[in-house]
N, C-alpha and C. Protein backbone atom coordinates (compact mmCIF):
# COMPACT_ATOMS: atom_id res chain seq x y z
N MET A 1 0.96 -1.21 0.10
CA MET A 1 -0.04 0.04 -0.02
C MET A 1 0.80 1.42 0.10
N VAL A 2 0.58 2.10 -0.91
CA VAL A 2 1.35 3.42 -0.98
C VAL A 2 0.93 4.34 0.14
N LYS A 3 1.85 4.86 0.55
CA LYS A 3 1.56 6.11 1.74
C LYS A 3 1.18 7.24 1.14
N SER A 4 0.17 7.69 1.71
CA SER A 4 -0.36 9.33 1.50
C SER A 4 0.50 10.51 1.74
N ILE A 5 0.62 11.38 0.98
CA ILE A 5 1.47 12.55 1.13
C ILE A 5 0.81 13.62 2.05
N LYS A 6 1.44 13.80 3.08
CA LYS A 6 0.92 14.67 4.17
C LYS A 6 1.14 16.04 3.75
N VAL A 7 0.03 17.00 3.73
CA VAL A 7 0.02 18.12 3.45
C VAL A 7 0.07 19.24 4.84
N LYS A 8 1.00 20.11 4.52
CA LYS A 8 0.96 21.20 5.68
C LYS A 8 0.13 22.37 5.50
N PRO A 9 -0.91 22.62 6.22
CA PRO A 9 -1.85 23.47 6.24
C PRO A 9 -0.98 24.78 6.08
N LYS A 10 -1.73 25.73 5.33
CA LYS A 10 -1.22 26.86 5.36
C LYS A 10 -1.53 27.87 6.71
N LYS A 11 -0.41 28.54 6.91
CA LYS A 11 -0.85 29.62 8.17
C LYS A 11 -1.38 30.73 7.65
N ARG A 12 -2.40 31.09 8.76
CA ARG A 12 -3.12 32.34 7.79
C ARG A 12 -2.40 33.63 8.68
N GLY A 13 -2.67 34.64 7.84
CA GLY A 13 -2.29 36.04 8.44
C GLY A 13 -0.92 36.45 7.73
N ARG A 14 -0.38 37.56 7.93
CA ARG A 14 0.97 38.15 7.44
C ARG A 14 2.08 37.38 8.28
N PRO A 15 2.97 37.15 7.43
CA PRO A 15 4.14 36.49 8.01
C PRO A 15 4.83 37.24 8.95
N ALA A 16 5.75 36.70 9.89
CA ALA A 16 6.10 37.49 11.15
C ALA A 16 7.32 38.48 10.29
N THR A 17 7.35 39.62 11.19
CA THR A 17 8.71 40.41 10.67
C THR A 17 9.91 40.51 11.45
N GLY A 18 9.88 40.05 12.49
CA GLY A 18 10.54 40.43 13.71
C GLY A 18 10.67 39.16 14.83
N LYS A 19 11.50 38.93 15.53
CA LYS A 19 11.29 37.97 16.68
C LYS A 19 11.38 38.94 18.17
N ASP A 20 11.77 40.20 17.98
CA ASP A 20 11.82 40.87 19.27
C ASP A 20 10.49 41.37 19.49
N PRO A 21 10.09 41.38 20.90
CA PRO A 21 8.64 42.08 21.20
C PRO A 21 8.53 43.59 20.68
N LEU A 22 7.38 43.96 20.46
CA LEU A 22 7.25 45.44 19.97
C LEU A 22 7.14 46.35 21.08
N MET A 23 7.81 47.32 20.86
CA MET A 23 7.56 48.51 22.08
C MET A 23 7.15 49.79 21.37
N ALA A 24 6.02 50.66 21.98
CA ALA A 24 5.67 51.55 21.08
C ALA A 24 5.43 52.60 22.16
N PHE A 25 5.29 54.04 21.53
CA PHE A 25 5.13 55.14 22.56
C PHE A 25 4.63 56.21 21.76
N ARG A 26 4.02 57.20 22.31
CA ARG A 26 3.40 58.29 21.62
C ARG A 26 4.65 59.50 21.74
N ALA A 27 4.76 60.20 20.64
CA ALA A 27 5.36 61.16 20.66
C ALA A 27 4.90 62.44 20.06
N SER A 28 5.23 63.57 20.34
CA SER A 28 4.71 64.91 19.80
C SER A 28 5.31 64.95 18.47
N PRO A 29 4.74 65.75 17.63
CA PRO A 29 5.16 66.09 16.06
C PRO A 29 6.35 66.81 16.11
N ILE A 30 6.75 67.46 17.13
CA ILE A 30 8.18 68.14 17.20
C ILE A 30 9.06 67.05 17.59
N MET A 31 9.00 66.07 18.57
CA MET A 31 9.84 65.20 18.81
C MET A 31 10.28 64.18 17.32
N ARG A 32 8.99 63.88 16.83
CA ARG A 32 9.18 62.95 15.72
C ARG A 32 10.10 63.38 14.49
N ALA A 33 9.66 65.03 14.44
CA ALA A 33 10.32 65.85 13.48
C ALA A 33 11.89 65.93 13.82
N SER A 34 12.00 65.72 15.16
CA SER A 34 13.76 65.87 15.44
C SER A 34 14.47 64.53 15.26
N VAL A 35 13.53 63.57 15.40
CA VAL A 35 14.41 61.77 15.23
C VAL A 35 14.53 62.04 13.88
N VAL A 36 13.44 62.52 12.95
CA VAL A 36 13.65 62.39 11.61
C VAL A 36 14.65 63.11 10.93
N LYS A 37 14.78 64.57 11.53
CA LYS A 37 15.83 65.33 11.43
C LYS A 37 17.11 64.71 11.37
N TRP A 38 17.53 63.96 12.87
CA TRP A 38 18.69 63.11 13.13
C TRP A 38 19.26 62.03 12.18
N ALA A 39 17.96 61.35 11.68
CA ALA A 39 18.17 60.16 10.75
C ALA A 39 18.46 60.70 9.57
N GLU A 40 18.12 61.78 8.92
CA GLU A 40 18.61 62.49 7.60
C GLU A 40 19.94 62.84 7.74
N ASN A 41 20.31 63.07 8.73
CA ASN A 41 21.64 63.58 8.94
C ASN A 41 22.95 62.41 9.36
N GLN A 42 22.34 60.91 9.08
CA GLN A 42 23.33 59.96 9.37
C GLN A 42 23.72 59.63 7.93
N PRO A 43 24.69 59.06 7.84
CA PRO A 43 25.17 58.70 6.72
C PRO A 43 24.74 57.41 5.93
N ASP A 44 23.81 56.47 6.86
CA ASP A 44 23.04 55.17 6.21
C ASP A 44 21.63 55.63 6.07
N GLU A 45 21.31 56.98 6.45
CA GLU A 45 19.54 57.41 6.65
C GLU A 45 18.85 56.37 7.30
N PRO A 46 18.90 56.03 8.09
CA PRO A 46 18.25 54.50 8.89
C PRO A 46 16.54 55.11 8.90
N THR A 47 15.99 54.12 8.86
CA THR A 47 14.43 54.24 9.12
C THR A 47 14.11 54.96 10.32
N LEU A 48 12.81 55.28 10.71
CA LEU A 48 12.16 55.97 11.87
C LEU A 48 12.64 55.09 12.90
N SER A 49 11.93 53.85 12.87
CA SER A 49 12.31 52.76 13.96
C SER A 49 13.70 52.54 14.25
N GLU A 50 14.60 52.45 13.26
CA GLU A 50 16.05 52.14 13.65
C GLU A 50 16.60 53.59 14.03
N ALA A 51 16.22 54.75 13.75
CA ALA A 51 16.81 55.89 14.45
C ALA A 51 16.32 55.81 15.83
N ILE A 52 15.11 55.45 16.02
CA ILE A 52 14.58 55.80 17.59
C ILE A 52 15.40 54.50 18.17
N ARG A 53 15.83 53.45 17.85
CA ARG A 53 16.69 52.39 18.47
C ARG A 53 18.15 52.65 18.81
N ARG A 54 18.54 53.82 17.72
CA ARG A 54 20.04 53.78 17.90
C ARG A 54 20.03 55.44 19.05
N LEU A 55 19.16 55.99 19.15
CA LEU A 55 19.09 56.97 19.85
C LEU A 55 19.04 56.46 21.59
N VAL A 56 18.05 55.66 21.51
CA VAL A 56 17.47 54.82 22.55
C VAL A 56 19.07 54.21 23.48
N GLU A 57 19.83 53.41 22.40
CA GLU A 57 20.82 52.60 22.82
C GLU A 57 22.06 53.67 23.26
N SER A 58 22.17 54.99 22.55
CA SER A 58 23.28 55.62 22.86
C SER A 58 22.85 56.37 24.14
N ALA A 59 21.57 56.84 24.39
CA ALA A 59 21.19 57.31 25.77
C ALA A 59 21.63 56.24 26.69
N LEU A 60 21.34 55.30 26.84
CA LEU A 60 21.54 53.95 27.67
C LEU A 60 22.85 53.62 28.17
N GLU A 61 23.69 53.91 26.74
CA GLU A 61 25.07 53.72 26.96
C GLU A 61 25.69 54.84 27.86
N ARG A 62 25.57 56.22 27.57
CA ARG A 62 25.91 57.30 28.03
C ARG A 62 25.50 57.26 29.52
N ASP A 63 24.28 57.03 29.71
CA ASP A 63 23.78 56.85 31.15
C ASP A 63 24.44 55.55 32.15
N ALA A 64 24.63 54.71 31.64
CA ALA A 64 25.61 53.66 32.18
C ALA A 64 26.77 53.97 32.66
N ASN A 65 27.41 54.92 31.79
CA ASN A 65 28.78 55.26 32.09
C ASN A 65 28.87 56.55 33.21
N SER A 66 27.78 57.20 33.07
CA SER A 66 27.90 58.55 33.88
C SER A 66 27.15 58.19 35.14
N VAL A 67 26.57 57.40 35.45
CA VAL A 67 26.23 57.16 36.67
C VAL A 67 26.64 56.50 37.78
N ALA A 68 27.56 55.78 37.45
CA ALA A 68 28.27 54.95 38.29
C ALA A 68 29.24 55.96 39.33
N ARG A 69 29.66 57.00 38.66
CA ARG A 69 30.78 57.90 39.09
C ARG A 69 30.41 59.23 38.88
N PRO A 70 29.81 60.10 39.63
CA PRO A 70 29.81 61.45 39.86
C PRO A 70 31.08 62.23 39.45
N SER A 71 31.06 63.58 38.77
CA SER A 71 32.23 64.18 38.44
C SER A 71 32.83 64.57 39.58
N GLY A 72 34.19 64.90 39.38
CA GLY A 72 34.85 65.45 40.89
C GLY A 72 34.33 67.06 40.96
N GLN A 73 33.99 67.53 40.21
CA GLN A 73 33.45 68.86 40.38
C GLN A 73 32.19 68.96 41.15
N SER A 74 31.39 68.10 40.51
CA SER A 74 30.14 67.99 41.34
C SER A 74 29.95 67.38 42.55
N ALA A 75 30.95 66.46 42.92
CA ALA A 75 31.25 66.15 44.38
C ALA A 75 31.61 66.96 45.16
N ALA A 76 32.62 67.73 44.65
CA ALA A 76 33.17 69.06 45.59
C ALA A 76 31.95 69.97 46.01
N LYS A 77 31.27 70.26 45.18
CA LYS A 77 30.19 71.26 45.00
C LYS A 77 29.11 70.71 45.98
N ALA A 78 28.89 69.24 45.89
CA ALA A 78 27.64 68.95 47.01
C ALA A 78 28.30 68.85 48.39
N LYS A 79 29.78 68.59 48.45
CA LYS A 79 30.42 68.71 49.77
C LYS A 79 30.27 69.95 50.35
N GLU A 80 30.49 71.07 49.58
CA GLU A 80 30.60 72.31 49.98
C GLU A 80 29.00 72.70 50.42
N LEU A 81 28.14 72.39 49.69
CA LEU A 81 26.70 72.79 50.23
C LEU A 81 26.51 72.19 51.43
N ALA A 82 26.77 70.79 51.60
CA ALA A 82 26.53 69.87 52.83
C ALA A 82 27.33 70.56 53.88
N ALA A 83 28.52 71.36 53.89
CA ALA A 83 29.12 71.84 54.86
C ALA A 83 28.50 73.25 55.17
N LYS A 84 28.03 73.93 54.52
CA LYS A 84 27.10 75.05 54.63
C LYS A 84 26.07 74.85 55.33
N ALA A 85 25.18 73.68 54.82
CA ALA A 85 23.90 73.45 55.73
C ALA A 85 24.19 73.02 57.15
N ILE A 86 25.24 72.12 57.28
CA ILE A 86 25.76 71.59 58.70
C ILE A 86 26.04 72.89 59.63
N ASP A 87 27.06 73.89 58.90
CA ASP A 87 27.27 75.02 59.77
C ASP A 87 25.84 75.96 60.24
N GLY A 88 25.23 75.83 59.31
CA GLY A 88 23.65 76.67 59.86
C GLY A 88 23.08 75.73 60.97
N LEU A 89 23.41 74.59 61.25
CA LEU A 89 22.54 73.64 62.02
C LEU A 89 23.37 73.38 63.29
N THR A 90 24.74 73.89 63.24
CA THR A 90 25.60 73.74 64.65
C THR A 90 24.80 74.33 66.07
N ASP A 91 25.37 73.51 66.93
CA ASP A 91 24.97 73.92 68.38
C ASP A 91 26.21 75.02 68.68
N ALA A 92 25.93 75.91 68.84
CA ALA A 92 26.56 77.36 69.00
C ALA A 92 27.39 77.21 70.41
N ALA A 93 26.51 76.31 71.44
CA ALA A 93 27.24 76.35 72.81
C ALA A 93 28.27 75.45 72.88
N ALA A 94 28.49 74.36 71.74
CA ALA A 94 29.46 73.40 71.84
C ALA A 94 30.86 74.31 71.59
N PRO A 95 32.05 73.76 71.99
CA PRO A 95 33.09 74.19 71.96
C PRO A 95 33.46 74.09 70.10
N ALA A 96 34.62 74.86 69.57
CA ALA A 96 34.89 74.61 68.20
C ALA A 96 35.17 73.41 67.92
N GLU A 97 36.24 72.92 68.86
CA GLU A 97 36.85 71.53 68.37
C GLU A 97 35.58 70.27 67.97
N GLU A 98 34.79 70.36 69.16
CA GLU A 98 33.47 69.54 69.23
C GLU A 98 32.73 69.61 67.47
N GLN A 99 32.56 70.78 67.66
CA GLN A 99 31.72 71.34 66.23
C GLN A 99 32.37 70.67 65.26
N ALA A 100 33.82 70.88 65.01
CA ALA A 100 34.67 70.49 63.66
C ALA A 100 34.46 68.81 63.57
N SER A 101 34.26 68.26 64.84
CA SER A 101 34.45 66.65 64.91
C SER A 101 33.06 66.28 64.60
N ARG A 102 32.00 66.93 65.04
CA ARG A 102 30.87 66.51 64.47
C ARG A 102 30.46 66.79 62.80
N LYS A 103 31.04 67.83 62.47
CA LYS A 103 30.96 68.53 61.19
C LYS A 103 31.61 67.22 60.26
N ARG A 104 33.00 67.02 60.49
CA ARG A 104 33.50 65.90 59.79
C ARG A 104 32.79 64.52 59.70
N ARG A 105 32.32 63.98 61.18
CA ARG A 105 31.84 62.71 61.03
C ARG A 105 30.53 62.73 60.28
N LEU A 106 29.58 63.87 59.99
CA LEU A 106 28.60 64.12 58.96
C LEU A 106 28.95 64.06 57.73
N LEU A 107 30.06 64.76 57.35
CA LEU A 107 30.35 64.85 56.06
C LEU A 107 31.06 63.37 55.38
N LYS A 108 31.69 62.71 56.31
CA LYS A 108 32.19 61.57 55.95
C LYS A 108 31.08 60.47 55.99
N GLY A 109 30.25 60.33 56.76
CA GLY A 109 29.12 59.37 57.06
C GLY A 109 29.50 58.62 57.89
N PRO A 110 28.53 57.61 58.41
CA PRO A 110 28.98 56.63 59.40
C PRO A 110 29.81 55.61 59.15
N GLU A 111 30.59 55.13 60.03
CA GLU A 111 31.56 54.35 59.70
C GLU A 111 30.96 52.88 59.10
N GLU A 112 29.80 52.56 59.53
CA GLU A 112 29.19 51.33 59.17
C GLU A 112 28.73 51.14 57.61
N PHE A 113 28.40 52.59 57.29
CA PHE A 113 28.03 52.57 55.73
C PHE A 113 29.31 53.01 54.88
N ARG A 114 30.50 53.17 55.57
CA ARG A 114 31.56 53.73 54.47
C ARG A 114 32.03 52.56 53.42
N GLU A 115 31.84 51.46 53.82
CA GLU A 115 32.40 50.23 53.16
C GLU A 115 31.23 50.15 51.96
N ALA A 116 30.15 50.38 52.26
CA ALA A 116 28.88 49.98 51.24
C ALA A 116 28.76 51.25 50.07
N ARG A 117 29.75 52.04 50.34
CA ARG A 117 29.62 53.47 49.41
C ARG A 117 30.25 52.90 47.69
N VAL A 118 29.38 53.05 47.08
CA VAL A 118 29.76 52.68 45.69
C VAL A 118 30.59 53.67 44.76
N ASP A 119 30.56 55.02 45.14
CA ASP A 119 31.19 56.11 44.47
C ASP A 119 32.22 56.37 44.98
N ARG A 120 32.85 55.52 46.12
CA ARG A 120 34.58 55.54 46.33
C ARG A 120 35.10 54.14 46.28
N PRO A 121 36.31 54.24 46.03
CA PRO A 121 37.03 53.01 46.01
C PRO A 121 37.47 52.50 47.34
N LYS A 122 37.31 51.34 47.72
CA LYS A 122 37.61 50.72 48.90
C LYS A 122 39.31 50.86 49.11
N LYS A 123 39.17 51.25 50.69
CA LYS A 123 40.51 51.45 51.10
C LYS A 123 41.10 49.86 51.67
N LYS A 124 42.44 49.68 51.68
CA LYS A 124 42.85 48.48 52.01
C LYS A 124 43.74 48.50 52.95
């Protein structure tokens, strides 16, 4: 007896265009025009979707590099502002040496948490 040929049923609908999940958002006409203008200035003139992907990737890359360590200038400014705030809250009745000691402890932070700081290298 001859075996019958199995027929694969046709799939309905449009063929899949990509494997990655779709992500959508609403953008104002000004933002869309800015993305289109950016894409037109690229050497390979990417599509709107590709341009948005590239912009998001570059922003995430830049953010990942800058979040880990604040700049020295911003750290110094933060320390200066903290020192001014502490000066305004100090106990005027305490001796100058005690005031300086308290201020130093507040600026450095509690000893228990110094090891947990990610913005400073570990001391050996």
